[in-house]
Amino acid sequence: MTLAIATATSDADSPNYVVKIDAGTHSLLGDEGPREGGQDSGPAPFEFVLSGLAACTAATLRMYMQKKAWPGGRIKVDTQLHVEREGGQYIRRTVSVDGPLDDSQRKRLGEICEKTPVTLFIKRGTRIDTTMQW
């Protein structure tokens, strides 16, 4: 069963690393920043990954709060990819939830952050099967 579909196309006449992306029914551009030789005309690949994590976290928290009929305010999720000196990588996620929530509700939302679908996807890793077509 397919859960999501995305396609990236880089044409021979495209500027450096600009790619046309079709994600489901949405079209957008991806690119690299000038430091990597790109035009910065769209998010870089890791920015797409972080965006997916941030979006999933915010949407999951909103759904959970609605289901519980908790007072809702603004949900903001900041994500950053870091590289350690030893070469390890980690994501720092900062979640802000405005609204009159008590300590137990805030604690529960923190627990829910660790159970969002994209969080679990990233944490467990996923096999990639590649087929080359000529």
Protein backbone atom coordinates (compact mmCIF):
# COMPACT_ATOMS: atom_id res chain seq x y z
CA MET A 1 0.00 0.00 0.00
CA THR A 2 1.44 3.36 -1.05
CA LEU A 3 1.21 6.07 1.62
CA ALA A 4 2.71 9.03 -0.25
CA ILE A 5 4.18 9.85 -3.66
CA ALA A 6 6.73 12.46 -4.67
CA THR A 7 8.68 12.94 -7.90
CA ALA A 8 11.65 15.24 -8.55
CA THR A 9 12.75 16.16 -12.08
CA SER A 10 15.92 17.98 -13.05
CA ASP A 11 16.01 19.00 -16.71
CA ALA A 12 19.29 19.43 -18.60
CA ASP A 13 18.58 23.14 -19.11
CA SER A 14 17.61 23.80 -15.46
CA PRO A 15 19.90 26.12 -13.51
CA ASN A 16 22.35 24.00 -11.48
CA TYR A 17 20.36 22.14 -8.81
CA VAL A 18 16.81 23.38 -9.38
CA VAL A 19 14.37 20.48 -9.36
CA LYS A 20 10.66 20.45 -10.09
CA ILE A 21 8.88 18.50 -7.39
CA ASP A 22 5.45 16.94 -7.57
CA ALA A 23 4.34 15.90 -4.09
CA GLY A 24 0.92 14.34 -4.31
CA THR A 25 -1.17 16.98 -6.11
CA HIS A 26 1.21 19.83 -5.26
CA SER A 27 3.98 21.28 -7.43
CA LEU A 28 6.94 23.19 -6.03
CA LEU A 29 10.64 23.79 -6.57
CA GLY A 30 13.63 22.48 -4.68
CA ASP A 31 17.16 23.84 -4.88
CA GLU A 32 20.39 24.24 -2.99
CA GLY A 33 21.64 27.48 -1.51
CA PRO A 34 24.35 29.62 -3.14
CA ARG A 35 27.00 28.14 -0.84
CA GLU A 36 26.38 24.76 -2.48
CA GLY A 37 26.20 26.24 -5.99
CA GLY A 38 22.43 26.55 -6.24
CA GLN A 39 20.10 29.49 -6.82
CA ASP A 40 18.15 29.21 -3.54
CA SER A 41 14.90 29.16 -5.54
CA GLY A 42 13.33 26.60 -3.24
CA PRO A 43 13.99 24.58 -0.11
CA ALA A 44 17.03 22.32 0.00
CA PRO A 45 16.43 18.57 0.49
CA PHE A 46 17.09 18.58 4.24
CA GLU A 47 14.78 21.59 4.60
CA PHE A 48 12.01 19.49 3.05
CA VAL A 49 12.67 16.73 5.58
CA LEU A 50 12.59 19.20 8.47
CA SER A 51 9.46 20.85 7.05
CA GLY A 52 7.70 17.49 6.98
CA LEU A 53 8.61 16.84 10.60
CA ALA A 54 7.52 20.32 11.71
CA ALA A 55 4.24 20.14 9.76
CA CYS A 56 3.40 16.68 11.06
CA THR A 57 4.14 17.71 14.63
CA ALA A 58 1.99 20.85 14.46
CA ALA A 59 -0.91 19.07 12.72
CA THR A 60 -0.81 16.10 15.11
CA LEU A 61 -0.85 18.36 18.15
CA ARG A 62 -3.75 20.37 16.69
CA MET A 63 -5.71 17.15 16.03
CA TYR A 64 -5.02 15.85 19.53
CA MET A 65 -6.06 19.11 21.17
CA GLN A 66 -9.27 19.20 19.12
CA LYS A 67 -10.06 15.59 19.97
CA LYS A 68 -9.62 16.34 23.69
CA ALA A 69 -11.51 19.67 23.35
CA TRP A 70 -8.55 21.46 24.89
CA PRO A 71 -8.33 25.22 24.43
CA GLY A 72 -6.29 25.82 21.33
CA GLY A 73 -3.88 28.55 20.56
CA ARG A 74 -1.05 28.98 18.13
CA ILE A 75 1.23 25.97 17.64
CA LYS A 76 4.72 26.68 16.37
CA VAL A 77 7.32 24.00 15.61
CA ASP A 78 10.91 24.98 14.86
CA THR A 79 13.28 22.30 13.58
CA GLN A 80 17.03 22.40 13.03
CA LEU A 81 19.41 19.78 11.70
CA HIS A 82 22.75 19.74 13.53
CA VAL A 83 26.04 17.96 12.84
CA GLU A 84 28.32 17.09 15.74
CA ARG A 85 32.10 17.31 15.56
CA GLU A 86 32.30 13.52 15.49
CA GLY A 87 30.00 13.49 12.44
CA GLY A 88 26.80 12.42 14.15
CA GLN A 89 23.61 14.22 13.22
CA TYR A 90 20.56 15.12 15.25
CA ILE A 91 17.41 17.19 14.92
CA ARG A 92 16.50 19.79 17.51
CA ARG A 93 12.76 20.43 17.63
CA THR A 94 11.29 23.29 19.68
CA VAL A 95 7.53 23.29 20.12
CA SER A 96 5.51 26.27 21.39
CA VAL A 97 1.83 25.96 22.21
CA ASP A 98 -0.04 29.10 23.22
CA GLY A 99 -3.18 28.76 25.22
CA PRO A 100 -4.43 28.19 28.74
CA LEU A 101 -3.17 24.63 29.22
CA ASP A 102 -2.26 23.13 32.58
CA ASP A 103 1.00 21.32 33.33
CA SER A 104 -0.44 17.84 32.74
CA GLN A 105 -1.81 18.87 29.33
CA ARG A 106 1.53 20.39 28.33
CA LYS A 107 3.33 17.25 29.46
CA ARG A 108 0.96 15.10 27.41
CA LEU A 109 1.57 17.23 24.30
CA GLY A 110 5.30 16.66 24.78
CA GLU A 111 4.65 12.92 24.82
CA ILE A 112 2.51 13.18 21.68
CA CYS A 113 5.38 14.97 19.87
CA GLU A 114 7.44 11.79 20.21
CA LYS A 115 4.65 9.71 18.65
CA THR A 116 3.84 11.69 15.50
CA PRO A 117 4.00 9.62 12.30
CA VAL A 118 6.96 11.50 10.80
CA THR A 119 8.84 11.45 14.12
CA LEU A 120 8.49 7.66 14.27
CA PHE A 121 9.43 7.36 10.58
CA ILE A 122 12.66 9.30 11.11
CA LYS A 123 13.57 7.57 14.36
CA ARG A 124 13.14 4.03 13.11
CA GLY A 125 14.78 4.56 9.73
CA THR A 126 13.33 3.16 6.54
CA ARG A 127 14.70 0.80 3.91
CA ILE A 128 15.12 2.34 0.45
CA ASP A 129 14.86 0.07 -2.58
CA THR A 130 16.32 1.73 -5.70
CA THR A 131 15.62 0.66 -9.27
CA MET A 132 17.54 2.29 -12.12
CA GLN A 133 15.74 2.68 -15.44
CA TRP A 134 17.57 3.38 -18.70
